[in-house]
């Protein structure tokens, strides 16, 4: 299931938040650029110093604008897998019944979740 919501960047207690991030070139994509900017490039530094990470990266670092951290997902790689795989992994992690996922102007991942009733995906953009 899918919803569209607007969120305030100052609402730092939203959870769980997923942002698109280009893992191949270690560059933020879309709204993750704003998070990277406000975290003073600490996300890039963290990923650059990591030798291996898989398709979902949880980031919780000091001075990140979101209190509970964020998840980074490479939307281009997400499209290569089926939504079942992604949703199964999230449910196995105990995420809950819904997630906030940043909208993307580069990839249409919304369609992947439209008919999956196991997880409500709230696609957001900043106000």
PDB file of N, CA and C in Angstrom:
ATOM      1  N   UNK A   1       0.848  -1.176   0.000  1.00  0.00           N
ATOM      2  CA  UNK A   1       0.000   0.000   0.000  1.00  0.00           C
ATOM      3  C   UNK A   1       0.895   1.241   0.000  1.00  0.00           C
ATOM      4  N   UNK A   2       0.367   2.288  -0.565  1.00  0.00           N
ATOM      5  CA  UNK A   2       1.153   3.506  -0.751  1.00  0.00           C
ATOM      6  C   UNK A   2       0.348   4.719  -0.326  1.00  0.00           C
ATOM      7  N   UNK A   3       1.015   5.663   0.328  1.00  0.00           N
ATOM      8  CA  UNK A   3       0.457   6.975   0.662  1.00  0.00           C
ATOM      9  C   UNK A   3       1.484   8.023   0.278  1.00  0.00           C
ATOM     10  N   UNK A   4       1.030   9.244   0.091  1.00  0.00           N
ATOM     11  CA  UNK A   4       1.934  10.377  -0.139  1.00  0.00           C
ATOM     12  C   UNK A   4       1.761  11.346   1.028  1.00  0.00           C
ATOM     13  N   UNK A   5       2.890  11.785   1.591  1.00  0.00           N
ATOM     14  CA  UNK A   5       2.850  12.706   2.717  1.00  0.00           C
ATOM     15  C   UNK A   5       3.937  13.769   2.549  1.00  0.00           C
ATOM     16  N   UNK A   6       3.711  14.907   3.171  1.00  0.00           N
ATOM     17  CA  UNK A   6       4.735  15.939   3.271  1.00  0.00           C
ATOM     18  C   UNK A   6       5.242  15.923   4.702  1.00  0.00           C
ATOM     19  N   UNK A   7       6.541  16.047   4.869  1.00  0.00           N
ATOM     20  CA  UNK A   7       7.088  16.086   6.220  1.00  0.00           C
ATOM     21  C   UNK A   7       7.905  17.350   6.397  1.00  0.00           C
ATOM     22  N   UNK A   8       8.004  17.756   7.628  1.00  0.00           N
ATOM     23  CA  UNK A   8       8.778  18.929   7.996  1.00  0.00           C
ATOM     24  C   UNK A   8      10.187  18.453   8.355  1.00  0.00           C
ATOM     25  N   UNK A   9      11.183  19.060   7.771  1.00  0.00           N
ATOM     26  CA  UNK A   9      12.569  18.683   8.033  1.00  0.00           C
ATOM     27  C   UNK A   9      12.934  18.839   9.506  1.00  0.00           C
ATOM     28  N   UNK A  10      12.192  19.670  10.225  1.00  0.00           N
ATOM     29  CA  UNK A  10      12.453  19.860  11.649  1.00  0.00           C
ATOM     30  C   UNK A  10      11.847  18.764  12.528  1.00  0.00           C
ATOM     31  N   UNK A  11      11.006  17.912  11.945  1.00  0.00           N
ATOM     32  CA  UNK A  11      10.406  16.816  12.700  1.00  0.00           C
ATOM     33  C   UNK A  11      11.422  15.673  12.747  1.00  0.00           C
ATOM     34  N   UNK A  12      12.329  15.731  13.711  1.00  0.00           N
ATOM     35  CA  UNK A  12      13.449  14.799  13.726  1.00  0.00           C
ATOM     36  C   UNK A  12      13.149  13.464  14.394  1.00  0.00           C
ATOM     37  N   UNK A  13      11.889  13.211  14.768  1.00  0.00           N
ATOM     38  CA  UNK A  13      11.552  11.956  15.434  1.00  0.00           C
ATOM     39  C   UNK A  13      10.801  10.979  14.530  1.00  0.00           C
ATOM     40  N   UNK A  14      10.758  11.252  13.250  1.00  0.00           N
ATOM     41  CA  UNK A  14      10.107  10.315  12.333  1.00  0.00           C
ATOM     42  C   UNK A  14      10.927   9.033  12.237  1.00  0.00           C
ATOM     43  N   UNK A  15      10.229   7.928  12.112  1.00  0.00           N
ATOM     44  CA  UNK A  15      10.910   6.629  12.051  1.00  0.00           C
ATOM     45  C   UNK A  15      10.028   5.610  11.387  1.00  0.00           C
ATOM     46  N   UNK A  16      10.508   4.729  10.625  1.00  0.00           N
ATOM     47  CA  UNK A  16      11.815   4.635   9.977  1.00  0.00           C
ATOM     48  C   UNK A  16      11.819   5.379   8.634  1.00  0.00           C
ATOM     49  N   UNK A  17      12.895   6.079   8.377  1.00  0.00           N
ATOM     50  CA  UNK A  17      13.064   6.893   7.168  1.00  0.00           C
ATOM     51  C   UNK A  17      14.039   6.224   6.213  1.00  0.00           C
ATOM     52  N   UNK A  18      13.634   6.129   4.951  1.00  0.00           N
ATOM     53  CA  UNK A  18      14.486   5.532   3.918  1.00  0.00           C
ATOM     54  C   UNK A  18      14.772   6.578   2.851  1.00  0.00           C
ATOM     55  N   UNK A  19      16.054   6.708   2.500  1.00  0.00           N
ATOM     56  CA  UNK A  19      16.494   7.667   1.492  1.00  0.00           C
ATOM     57  C   UNK A  19      17.258   6.945   0.391  1.00  0.00           C
ATOM     58  N   UNK A  20      17.166   7.493  -0.813  1.00  0.00           N
ATOM     59  CA  UNK A  20      17.899   6.981  -1.962  1.00  0.00           C
ATOM     60  C   UNK A  20      19.342   7.468  -1.887  1.00  0.00           C
ATOM     61  N   UNK A  21      20.289   6.548  -2.072  1.00  0.00           N
ATOM     62  CA  UNK A  21      21.712   6.899  -2.038  1.00  0.00           C
ATOM     63  C   UNK A  21      22.427   6.043  -3.072  1.00  0.00           C
ATOM     64  N   UNK A  22      23.250   6.663  -3.885  1.00  0.00           N
ATOM     65  CA  UNK A  22      23.999   5.945  -4.924  1.00  0.00           C
ATOM     66  C   UNK A  22      25.203   5.265  -4.272  1.00  0.00           C
ATOM     67  N   UNK A  23      25.100   3.960  -4.054  1.00  0.00           N
ATOM     68  CA  UNK A  23      26.166   3.225  -3.380  1.00  0.00           C
ATOM     69  C   UNK A  23      27.400   3.050  -4.262  1.00  0.00           C
ATOM     70  N   UNK A  24      27.224   3.013  -5.567  1.00  0.00           N
ATOM     71  CA  UNK A  24      28.367   2.808  -6.457  1.00  0.00           C
ATOM     72  C   UNK A  24      29.322   3.999  -6.440  1.00  0.00           C
ATOM     73  N   UNK A  25      28.794   5.198  -6.506  1.00  0.00           N
ATOM     74  CA  UNK A  25      29.652   6.387  -6.516  1.00  0.00           C
ATOM     75  C   UNK A  25      29.699   7.098  -5.162  1.00  0.00           C
ATOM     76  N   UNK A  26      29.004   6.526  -4.161  1.00  0.00           N
ATOM     77  CA  UNK A  26      28.946   7.106  -2.815  1.00  0.00           C
ATOM     78  C   UNK A  26      28.505   8.563  -2.840  1.00  0.00           C
ATOM     79  N   UNK A  27      27.397   8.794  -3.540  1.00  0.00           N
ATOM     80  CA  UNK A  27      26.846  10.144  -3.624  1.00  0.00           C
ATOM     81  C   UNK A  27      25.371  10.122  -3.238  1.00  0.00           C
ATOM     82  N   UNK A  28      24.941  11.144  -2.531  1.00  0.00           N
ATOM     83  CA  UNK A  28      23.515  11.236  -2.232  1.00  0.00           C
ATOM     84  C   UNK A  28      22.724  11.491  -3.509  1.00  0.00           C
ATOM     85  N   UNK A  29      21.500  11.005  -3.505  1.00  0.00           N
ATOM     86  CA  UNK A  29      20.629  11.189  -4.670  1.00  0.00           C
ATOM     87  C   UNK A  29      19.294  11.690  -4.140  1.00  0.00           C
ATOM     88  N   UNK A  30      18.814  12.783  -4.682  1.00  0.00           N
ATOM     89  CA  UNK A  30      17.522  13.307  -4.253  1.00  0.00           C
ATOM     90  C   UNK A  30      17.582  13.907  -2.862  1.00  0.00           C
ATOM     91  N   UNK A  31      16.590  13.559  -2.036  1.00  0.00           N
ATOM     92  CA  UNK A  31      16.479  14.141  -0.696  1.00  0.00           C
ATOM     93  C   UNK A  31      17.627  13.761   0.231  1.00  0.00           C
ATOM     94  N   UNK A  32      18.323  12.673  -0.053  1.00  0.00           N
ATOM     95  CA  UNK A  32      19.452  12.327   0.816  1.00  0.00           C
ATOM     96  C   UNK A  32      20.549  13.384   0.717  1.00  0.00           C
ATOM     97  N   UNK A  33      20.554  14.172  -0.353  1.00  0.00           N
ATOM     98  CA  UNK A  33      21.505  15.275  -0.478  1.00  0.00           C
ATOM     99  C   UNK A  33      21.302  16.315   0.613  1.00  0.00           C
ATOM    100  N   UNK A  34      20.053  16.587   0.941  1.00  0.00           N
ATOM    101  CA  UNK A  34      19.767  17.542   2.021  1.00  0.00           C
ATOM    102  C   UNK A  34      20.222  16.995   3.367  1.00  0.00           C
ATOM    103  N   UNK A  35      19.963  15.716   3.588  1.00  0.00           N
ATOM    104  CA  UNK A  35      20.385  15.097   4.845  1.00  0.00           C
ATOM    105  C   UNK A  35      21.905  15.116   4.931  1.00  0.00           C
ATOM    106  N   UNK A  36      22.575  14.812   3.837  1.00  0.00           N
ATOM    107  CA  UNK A  36      24.041  14.837   3.796  1.00  0.00           C
ATOM    108  C   UNK A  36      24.566  16.249   4.088  1.00  0.00           C
ATOM    109  N   UNK A  37      23.918  17.242   3.513  1.00  0.00           N
ATOM    110  CA  UNK A  37      24.322  18.626   3.732  1.00  0.00           C
ATOM    111  C   UNK A  37      24.198  19.011   5.202  1.00  0.00           C
ATOM    112  N   UNK A  38      23.050  18.688   5.806  1.00  0.00           N
ATOM    113  CA  UNK A  38      22.816  19.053   7.196  1.00  0.00           C
ATOM    114  C   UNK A  38      23.600  18.194   8.188  1.00  0.00           C
ATOM    115  N   UNK A  39      24.163  17.090   7.727  1.00  0.00           N
ATOM    116  CA  UNK A  39      24.985  16.258   8.618  1.00  0.00           C
ATOM    117  C   UNK A  39      26.471  16.484   8.348  1.00  0.00           C
ATOM    118  N   UNK A  40      26.784  17.512   7.579  1.00  0.00           N
ATOM    119  CA  UNK A  40      28.169  17.910   7.312  1.00  0.00           C
ATOM    120  C   UNK A  40      28.993  16.787   6.687  1.00  0.00           C
ATOM    121  N   UNK A  41      28.386  16.075   5.728  1.00  0.00           N
ATOM    122  CA  UNK A  41      29.042  15.001   4.958  1.00  0.00           C
ATOM    123  C   UNK A  41      29.504  13.819   5.808  1.00  0.00           C
ATOM    124  N   UNK A  42      28.921  13.653   6.975  1.00  0.00           N
ATOM    125  CA  UNK A  42      29.307  12.523   7.827  1.00  0.00           C
ATOM    126  C   UNK A  42      28.841  11.192   7.246  1.00  0.00           C
ATOM    127  N   UNK A  43      27.762  11.205   6.486  1.00  0.00           N
ATOM    128  CA  UNK A  43      27.284   9.960   5.885  1.00  0.00           C
ATOM    129  C   UNK A  43      28.298   9.466   4.857  1.00  0.00           C
ATOM    130  N   UNK A  44      28.761  10.378   4.016  1.00  0.00           N
ATOM    131  CA  UNK A  44      29.769  10.005   3.019  1.00  0.00           C
ATOM    132  C   UNK A  44      31.016   9.460   3.711  1.00  0.00           C
ATOM    133  N   UNK A  45      31.471  10.121   4.748  1.00  0.00           N
ATOM    134  CA  UNK A  45      32.665   9.681   5.470  1.00  0.00           C
ATOM    135  C   UNK A  45      32.475   8.286   6.047  1.00  0.00           C
ATOM    136  N   UNK A  46      31.294   8.017   6.578  1.00  0.00           N
ATOM    137  CA  UNK A  46      30.997   6.706   7.136  1.00  0.00           C
ATOM    138  C   UNK A  46      31.029   5.636   6.053  1.00  0.00           C
ATOM    139  N   UNK A  47      30.348   5.881   4.940  1.00  0.00           N
ATOM    140  CA  UNK A  47      30.297   4.885   3.862  1.00  0.00           C
ATOM    141  C   UNK A  47      31.662   4.688   3.211  1.00  0.00           C
ATOM    142  N   UNK A  48      32.424   5.755   3.072  1.00  0.00           N
ATOM    143  CA  UNK A  48      33.746   5.661   2.461  1.00  0.00           C
ATOM    144  C   UNK A  48      34.689   4.796   3.293  1.00  0.00           C
ATOM    145  N   UNK A  49      34.522   4.828   4.600  1.00  0.00           N
ATOM    146  CA  UNK A  49      35.399   4.056   5.478  1.00  0.00           C
ATOM    147  C   UNK A  49      34.919   2.614   5.672  1.00  0.00           C
ATOM    148  N   UNK A  50      33.806   2.258   5.073  1.00  0.00           N
ATOM    149  CA  UNK A  50      33.246   0.917   5.204  1.00  0.00           C
ATOM    150  C   UNK A  50      33.605   0.092   3.979  1.00  0.00           C
ATOM    151  N   UNK A  51      34.157  -1.091   4.204  1.00  0.00           N
ATOM    152  CA  UNK A  51      34.574  -1.928   3.085  1.00  0.00           C
ATOM    153  C   UNK A  51      33.404  -2.622   2.401  1.00  0.00           C
ATOM    154  N   UNK A  52      32.393  -3.004   3.174  1.00  0.00           N
ATOM    155  CA  UNK A  52      31.291  -3.756   2.589  1.00  0.00           C
ATOM    156  C   UNK A  52      29.981  -3.318   3.237  1.00  0.00           C
ATOM    157  N   UNK A  53      28.976  -3.131   2.423  1.00  0.00           N
ATOM    158  CA  UNK A  53      27.626  -2.942   2.935  1.00  0.00           C
ATOM    159  C   UNK A  53      26.667  -3.521   1.917  1.00  0.00           C
ATOM    160  N   UNK A  54      25.504  -3.956   2.398  1.00  0.00           N
ATOM    161  CA  UNK A  54      24.552  -4.578   1.480  1.00  0.00           C
ATOM    162  C   UNK A  54      23.514  -3.568   1.022  1.00  0.00           C
ATOM    163  N   UNK A  55      22.366  -4.019   0.641  1.00  0.00           N
ATOM    164  CA  UNK A  55      21.390  -3.154  -0.019  1.00  0.00           C
ATOM    165  C   UNK A  55      20.664  -2.174   0.903  1.00  0.00           C
ATOM    166  N   UNK A  56      20.722  -2.390   2.211  1.00  0.00           N
ATOM    167  CA  UNK A  56      20.107  -1.472   3.167  1.00  0.00           C
ATOM    168  C   UNK A  56      21.155  -1.112   4.212  1.00  0.00           C
ATOM    169  N   UNK A  57      21.400   0.183   4.376  1.00  0.00           N
ATOM    170  CA  UNK A  57      22.385   0.637   5.354  1.00  0.00           C
ATOM    171  C   UNK A  57      21.678   1.510   6.381  1.00  0.00           C
ATOM    172  N   UNK A  58      21.829   1.143   7.647  1.00  0.00           N
ATOM    173  CA  UNK A  58      21.270   1.944   8.735  1.00  0.00           C
ATOM    174  C   UNK A  58      22.355   2.886   9.226  1.00  0.00           C
ATOM    175  N   UNK A  59      22.022   4.173   9.314  1.00  0.00           N
ATOM    176  CA  UNK A  59      22.991   5.183   9.739  1.00  0.00           C
ATOM    177  C   UNK A  59      22.436   5.914  10.964  1.00  0.00           C
ATOM    178  N   UNK A  60      23.169   5.835  12.044  1.00  0.00           N
ATOM    179  CA  UNK A  60      22.834   6.610  13.238  1.00  0.00           C
ATOM    180  C   UNK A  60      24.153   7.151  13.772  1.00  0.00           C
ATOM    181  N   UNK A  61      24.371   8.424  13.519  1.00  0.00           N
ATOM    182  CA  UNK A  61      25.613   9.066  13.917  1.00  0.00           C
ATOM    183  C   UNK A  61      25.300  10.346  14.676  1.00  0.00           C
ATOM    184  N   UNK A  62      26.264  10.796  15.442  1.00  0.00           N
ATOM    185  CA  UNK A  62      26.099  12.021  16.213  1.00  0.00           C
ATOM    186  C   UNK A  62      25.865  13.200  15.265  1.00  0.00           C
ATOM    187  N   UNK A  63      24.963  14.063  15.653  1.00  0.00           N
ATOM    188  CA  UNK A  63      24.602  15.277  14.909  1.00  0.00           C
ATOM    189  C   UNK A  63      23.867  15.020  13.595  1.00  0.00           C
ATOM    190  N   UNK A  64      23.329  13.829  13.407  1.00  0.00           N
ATOM    191  CA  UNK A  64      22.443  13.580  12.267  1.00  0.00           C
ATOM    192  C   UNK A  64      21.118  14.265  12.584  1.00  0.00           C
ATOM    193  N   UNK A  65      20.493  14.867  11.594  1.00  0.00           N
ATOM    194  CA  UNK A  65      19.297  15.658  11.894  1.00  0.00           C
ATOM    195  C   UNK A  65      18.101  14.825  12.345  1.00  0.00           C
ATOM    196  N   UNK A  66      18.127  13.520  12.094  1.00  0.00           N
ATOM    197  CA  UNK A  66      17.022  12.669  12.542  1.00  0.00           C
ATOM    198  C   UNK A  66      17.468  11.861  13.758  1.00  0.00           C
ATOM    199  N   UNK A  67      16.744  12.003  14.833  1.00  0.00           N
ATOM    200  CA  UNK A  67      17.102  11.457  16.145  1.00  0.00           C
ATOM    201  C   UNK A  67      17.372   9.952  16.128  1.00  0.00           C
ATOM    202  N   UNK A  68      16.542   9.195  15.414  1.00  0.00           N
ATOM    203  CA  UNK A  68      16.646   7.744  15.442  1.00  0.00           C
ATOM    204  C   UNK A  68      17.455   7.178  14.282  1.00  0.00           C
ATOM    205  N   UNK A  69      18.070   8.041  13.496  1.00  0.00           N
ATOM    206  CA  UNK A  69      18.853   7.575  12.362  1.00  0.00           C
ATOM    207  C   UNK A  69      18.014   7.440  11.103  1.00  0.00           C
ATOM    208  N   UNK A  70      18.668   7.002  10.049  1.00  0.00           N
ATOM    209  CA  UNK A  70      18.005   6.817   8.753  1.00  0.00           C
ATOM    210  C   UNK A  70      18.509   5.535   8.100  1.00  0.00           C
ATOM    211  N   UNK A  71      17.765   5.089   7.114  1.00  0.00           N
ATOM    212  CA  UNK A  71      18.194   3.970   6.287  1.00  0.00           C
ATOM    213  C   UNK A  71      18.514   4.507   4.899  1.00  0.00           C
ATOM    214  N   UNK A  72      19.574   4.005   4.329  1.00  0.00           N
ATOM    215  CA  UNK A  72      19.930   4.338   2.958  1.00  0.00           C
ATOM    216  C   UNK A  72      19.699   3.112   2.092  1.00  0.00           C
ATOM    217  N   UNK A  73      19.081   3.337   0.936  1.00  0.00           N
ATOM    218  CA  UNK A  73      18.804   2.282  -0.019  1.00  0.00           C
ATOM    219  C   UNK A  73      19.148   2.830  -1.391  1.00  0.00           C
ATOM    220  N   UNK A  74      19.816   2.044  -2.202  1.00  0.00           N
ATOM    221  CA  UNK A  74      20.086   2.466  -3.573  1.00  0.00           C
ATOM    222  C   UNK A  74      18.865   2.078  -4.404  1.00  0.00           C
ATOM    223  N   UNK A  75      18.034   3.079  -4.740  1.00  0.00           N
ATOM    224  CA  UNK A  75      16.791   2.801  -5.459  1.00  0.00           C
ATOM    225  C   UNK A  75      17.054   2.100  -6.792  1.00  0.00           C
ATOM    226  N   UNK A  76      18.182   2.369  -7.438  1.00  0.00           N
ATOM    227  CA  UNK A  76      18.459   1.707  -8.714  1.00  0.00           C
ATOM    228  C   UNK A  76      18.639   0.204  -8.508  1.00  0.00           C
ATOM    229  N   UNK A  77      19.228  -0.187  -7.388  1.00  0.00           N
ATOM    230  CA  UNK A  77      19.389  -1.612  -7.088  1.00  0.00           C
ATOM    231  C   UNK A  77      18.078  -2.205  -6.566  1.00  0.00           C
ATOM    232  N   UNK A  78      17.282  -1.399  -5.900  1.00  0.00           N
ATOM    233  CA  UNK A  78      15.992  -1.854  -5.404  1.00  0.00           C
ATOM    234  C   UNK A  78      15.094  -2.282  -6.566  1.00  0.00           C
ATOM    235  N   UNK A  79      15.179  -1.562  -7.666  1.00  0.00           N
ATOM    236  CA  UNK A  79      14.362  -1.888  -8.833  1.00  0.00           C
ATOM    237  C   UNK A  79      14.776  -3.202  -9.488  1.00  0.00           C
ATOM    238  N   UNK A  80      16.012  -3.641  -9.249  1.00  0.00           N
ATOM    239  CA  UNK A  80      16.475  -4.904  -9.812  1.00  0.00           C
ATOM    240  C   UNK A  80      15.854  -6.098  -9.102  1.00  0.00           C
ATOM    241  N   UNK A  81      15.495  -5.910  -7.849  1.00  0.00           N
ATOM    242  CA  UNK A  81      14.852  -6.966  -7.058  1.00  0.00           C
ATOM    243  C   UNK A  81      13.352  -6.718  -7.044  1.00  0.00           C
ATOM    244  N   UNK A  82      12.617  -7.699  -6.630  1.00  0.00           N
ATOM    245  CA  UNK A  82      11.180  -7.506  -6.505  1.00  0.00           C
ATOM    246  C   UNK A  82      10.876  -6.913  -5.141  1.00  0.00           C
ATOM    247  N   UNK A  83       9.741  -6.251  -5.031  1.00  0.00           N
ATOM    248  CA  UNK A  83       9.377  -5.635  -3.755  1.00  0.00           C
ATOM    249  C   UNK A  83       9.237  -6.688  -2.662  1.00  0.00           C
ATOM    250  N   UNK A  84       8.858  -7.903  -3.022  1.00  0.00           N
ATOM    251  CA  UNK A  84       8.723  -8.966  -2.021  1.00  0.00           C
ATOM    252  C   UNK A  84      10.020  -9.152  -1.242  1.00  0.00           C
ATOM    253  N   UNK A  85      11.135  -9.162  -1.945  1.00  0.00           N
ATOM    254  CA  UNK A  85      12.438  -9.345  -1.310  1.00  0.00           C
ATOM    255  C   UNK A  85      12.706  -8.217  -0.304  1.00  0.00           C
ATOM    256  N   UNK A  86      12.480  -6.999  -0.715  1.00  0.00           N
ATOM    257  CA  UNK A  86      12.712  -5.836   0.141  1.00  0.00           C
ATOM    258  C   UNK A  86      11.769  -5.850   1.342  1.00  0.00           C
ATOM    259  N   UNK A  87      10.496  -6.055   1.107  1.00  0.00           N
ATOM    260  CA  UNK A  87       9.510  -6.078   2.194  1.00  0.00           C
ATOM    261  C   UNK A  87       9.807  -7.233   3.148  1.00  0.00           C
ATOM    262  N   UNK A  88      10.152  -8.408   2.623  1.00  0.00           N
ATOM    263  CA  UNK A  88      10.493  -9.542   3.481  1.00  0.00           C
ATOM    264  C   UNK A  88      11.658  -9.204   4.397  1.00  0.00           C
ATOM    265  N   UNK A  89      12.672  -8.535   3.878  1.00  0.00           N
ATOM    266  CA  UNK A  89      13.832  -8.155   4.684  1.00  0.00           C
ATOM    267  C   UNK A  89      13.435  -7.154   5.767  1.00  0.00           C
ATOM    268  N   UNK A  90      12.596  -6.191   5.412  1.00  0.00           N
ATOM    269  CA  UNK A  90      12.166  -5.206   6.407  1.00  0.00           C
ATOM    270  C   UNK A  90      11.337  -5.857   7.506  1.00  0.00           C
ATOM    271  N   UNK A  91      10.429  -6.731   7.132  1.00  0.00           N
ATOM    272  CA  UNK A  91       9.599  -7.397   8.130  1.00  0.00           C
ATOM    273  C   UNK A  91      10.446  -8.302   9.018  1.00  0.00           C
ATOM    274  N   UNK A  92      11.452  -8.948   8.452  1.00  0.00           N
ATOM    275  CA  UNK A  92      12.357  -9.788   9.244  1.00  0.00           C
ATOM    276  C   UNK A  92      13.163  -8.951  10.226  1.00  0.00           C
ATOM    277  N   UNK A  93      13.428  -7.698   9.876  1.00  0.00           N
ATOM    278  CA  UNK A  93      14.162  -6.792  10.766  1.00  0.00           C
ATOM    279  C   UNK A  93      13.269  -6.253  11.873  1.00  0.00           C
ATOM    280  N   UNK A  94      11.964  -6.480  11.784  1.00  0.00           N
ATOM    281  CA  UNK A  94      11.039  -5.995  12.799  1.00  0.00           C
ATOM    282  C   UNK A  94      10.744  -4.508  12.671  1.00  0.00           C
ATOM    283  N   UNK A  95      10.753  -4.000  11.464  1.00  0.00           N
ATOM    284  CA  UNK A  95      10.547  -2.572  11.206  1.00  0.00           C
ATOM    285  C   UNK A  95       9.171  -2.100  11.664  1.00  0.00           C
ATOM    286  N   UNK A  96       8.159  -2.898  11.472  1.00  0.00           N
ATOM    287  CA  UNK A  96       6.799  -2.486  11.815  1.00  0.00           C
ATOM    288  C   UNK A  96       5.905  -2.553  10.594  1.00  0.00           C
ATOM    289  N   UNK A  97       4.784  -1.852  10.661  1.00  0.00           N
ATOM    290  CA  UNK A  97       3.786  -1.965   9.588  1.00  0.00           C
ATOM    291  C   UNK A  97       3.871  -0.870   8.538  1.00  0.00           C
ATOM    292  N   UNK A  98       4.726   0.154   8.765  1.00  0.00           N
ATOM    293  CA  UNK A  98       4.865   1.202   7.754  1.00  0.00           C
ATOM    294  C   UNK A  98       6.274   1.778   7.786  1.00  0.00           C
ATOM    295  N   UNK A  99       6.657   2.391   6.660  1.00  0.00           N
ATOM    296  CA  UNK A  99       7.932   3.089   6.556  1.00  0.00           C
ATOM    297  C   UNK A  99       7.701   4.411   5.831  1.00  0.00           C
ATOM    298  N   UNK A 100       8.586   5.360   6.054  1.00  0.00           N
ATOM    299  CA  UNK A 100       8.634   6.597   5.279  1.00  0.00           C
ATOM    300  C   UNK A 100       9.743   6.428   4.251  1.00  0.00           C
ATOM    301  N   UNK A 101       9.424   6.671   3.002  1.00  0.00           N
ATOM    302  CA  UNK A 101      10.399   6.504   1.935  1.00  0.00           C
ATOM    303  C   UNK A 101      10.427   7.769   1.092  1.00  0.00           C
ATOM    304  N   UNK A 102      11.622   8.322   0.889  1.00  0.00           N
ATOM    305  CA  UNK A 102      11.760   9.558   0.123  1.00  0.00           C
ATOM    306  C   UNK A 102      11.333   9.352  -1.320  1.00  0.00           C
ATOM    307  N   UNK A 103      10.584  10.310  -1.833  1.00  0.00           N
ATOM    308  CA  UNK A 103      10.224  10.274  -3.248  1.00  0.00           C
ATOM    309  C   UNK A 103      11.486  10.418  -4.082  1.00  0.00           C
ATOM    310  N   UNK A 104      11.414   9.914  -5.295  1.00  0.00           N
ATOM    311  CA  UNK A 104      12.561  10.020  -6.189  1.00  0.00           C
ATOM    312  C   UNK A 104      12.101  10.537  -7.533  1.00  0.00           C
ATOM    313  N   UNK A 105      12.850  11.474  -8.062  1.00  0.00           N
ATOM    314  CA  UNK A 105      12.533  11.932  -9.414  1.00  0.00           C
ATOM    315  C   UNK A 105      13.314  11.129 -10.450  1.00  0.00           C
ATOM    316  N   UNK A 106      14.186  10.248  -9.980  1.00  0.00           N
ATOM    317  CA  UNK A 106      15.009   9.441 -10.884  1.00  0.00           C
ATOM    318  C   UNK A 106      14.459   8.041 -11.110  1.00  0.00           C
ATOM    319  N   UNK A 107      13.829   7.463 -10.080  1.00  0.00           N
ATOM    320  CA  UNK A 107      13.357   6.079 -10.171  1.00  0.00           C
ATOM    321  C   UNK A 107      11.921   5.990  -9.671  1.00  0.00           C
ATOM    322  N   UNK A 108      11.110   5.183 -10.342  1.00  0.00           N
ATOM    323  CA  UNK A 108       9.726   4.992  -9.937  1.00  0.00           C
ATOM    324  C   UNK A 108       9.622   3.724  -9.098  1.00  0.00           C
ATOM    325  N   UNK A 109       9.925   3.845  -7.813  1.00  0.00           N
ATOM    326  CA  UNK A 109       9.831   2.689  -6.929  1.00  0.00           C
ATOM    327  C   UNK A 109       8.448   2.572  -6.297  1.00  0.00           C
ATOM    328  N   UNK A 110       7.652   3.616  -6.421  1.00  0.00           N
ATOM    329  CA  UNK A 110       6.320   3.608  -5.814  1.00  0.00           C
ATOM    330  C   UNK A 110       5.466   2.459  -6.343  1.00  0.00           C
ATOM    331  N   UNK A 111       5.543   2.199  -7.612  1.00  0.00           N
ATOM    332  CA  UNK A 111       4.720   1.153  -8.223  1.00  0.00           C
ATOM    333  C   UNK A 111       5.003  -0.223  -7.627  1.00  0.00           C
ATOM    334  N   UNK A 112       6.228  -0.422  -7.140  1.00  0.00           N
ATOM    335  CA  UNK A 112       6.609  -1.714  -6.556  1.00  0.00           C
ATOM    336  C   UNK A 112       5.773  -2.065  -5.328  1.00  0.00           C
ATOM    337  N   UNK A 113       5.309  -1.051  -4.619  1.00  0.00           N
ATOM    338  CA  UNK A 113       4.643  -1.273  -3.338  1.00  0.00           C
ATOM    339  C   UNK A 113       3.131  -1.068  -3.390  1.00  0.00           C
ATOM    340  N   UNK A 114       2.620  -0.652  -4.524  1.00  0.00           N
ATOM    341  CA  UNK A 114       1.213  -0.270  -4.630  1.00  0.00           C
ATOM    342  C   UNK A 114       0.259  -1.391  -4.211  1.00  0.00           C
ATOM    343  N   UNK A 115       0.573  -2.635  -4.538  1.00  0.00           N
ATOM    344  CA  UNK A 115      -0.368  -3.721  -4.265  1.00  0.00           C
ATOM    345  C   UNK A 115       0.115  -4.671  -3.175  1.00  0.00           C
ATOM    346  N   UNK A 116       1.149  -4.283  -2.444  1.00  0.00           N
ATOM    347  CA  UNK A 116       1.650  -5.117  -1.358  1.00  0.00           C
ATOM    348  C   UNK A 116       0.997  -4.656  -0.057  1.00  0.00           C
ATOM    349  N   UNK A 117       0.134  -5.482   0.512  1.00  0.00           N
ATOM    350  CA  UNK A 117      -0.624  -5.101   1.704  1.00  0.00           C
ATOM    351  C   UNK A 117       0.095  -5.390   3.016  1.00  0.00           C
ATOM    352  N   UNK A 118       1.297  -5.939   2.942  1.00  0.00           N
ATOM    353  CA  UNK A 118       2.025  -6.251   4.180  1.00  0.00           C
ATOM    354  C   UNK A 118       2.683  -5.035   4.805  1.00  0.00           C
ATOM    355  N   UNK A 119       2.909  -3.991   4.010  1.00  0.00           N
ATOM    356  CA  UNK A 119       3.652  -2.836   4.484  1.00  0.00           C
ATOM    357  C   UNK A 119       3.079  -1.584   3.841  1.00  0.00           C
ATOM    358  N   UNK A 120       2.812  -0.574   4.662  1.00  0.00           N
ATOM    359  CA  UNK A 120       2.373   0.724   4.152  1.00  0.00           C
ATOM    360  C   UNK A 120       3.618   1.568   3.909  1.00  0.00           C
ATOM    361  N   UNK A 121       3.808   2.015   2.687  1.00  0.00           N
ATOM    362  CA  UNK A 121       4.952   2.853   2.337  1.00  0.00           C
ATOM    363  C   UNK A 121       4.448   4.275   2.148  1.00  0.00           C
ATOM    364  N   UNK A 122       4.923   5.164   3.014  1.00  0.00           N
ATOM    365  CA  UNK A 122       4.530   6.575   2.944  1.00  0.00           C
ATOM    366  C   UNK A 122       5.635   7.333   2.209  1.00  0.00           C
ATOM    367  N   UNK A 123       5.384   7.622   0.939  1.00  0.00           N
ATOM    368  CA  UNK A 123       6.354   8.375   0.148  1.00  0.00           C
ATOM    369  C   UNK A 123       6.266   9.830   0.539  1.00  0.00           C
ATOM    370  N   UNK A 124       7.412  10.412   0.888  1.00  0.00           N
ATOM    371  CA  UNK A 124       7.390  11.768   1.394  1.00  0.00           C
ATOM    372  C   UNK A 124       8.269  12.690   0.568  1.00  0.00           C
ATOM    373  N   UNK A 125       7.944  13.967   0.721  1.00  0.00           N
ATOM    374  CA  UNK A 125       8.817  15.043   0.274  1.00  0.00           C
ATOM    375  C   UNK A 125       8.802  16.073   1.375  1.00  0.00           C
ATOM    376  N   UNK A 126       9.847  16.892   1.417  1.00  0.00           N
ATOM    377  CA  UNK A 126       9.951  17.903   2.459  1.00  0.00           C
ATOM    378  C   UNK A 126       9.091  19.105   2.102  1.00  0.00           C
ATOM    379  N   UNK A 127       8.493  19.691   3.128  1.00  0.00           N
ATOM    380  CA  UNK A 127       7.698  20.908   2.936  1.00  0.00           C
ATOM    381  C   UNK A 127       8.610  22.092   2.801  1.00  0.00           C
TER     382      UNK A 127
END
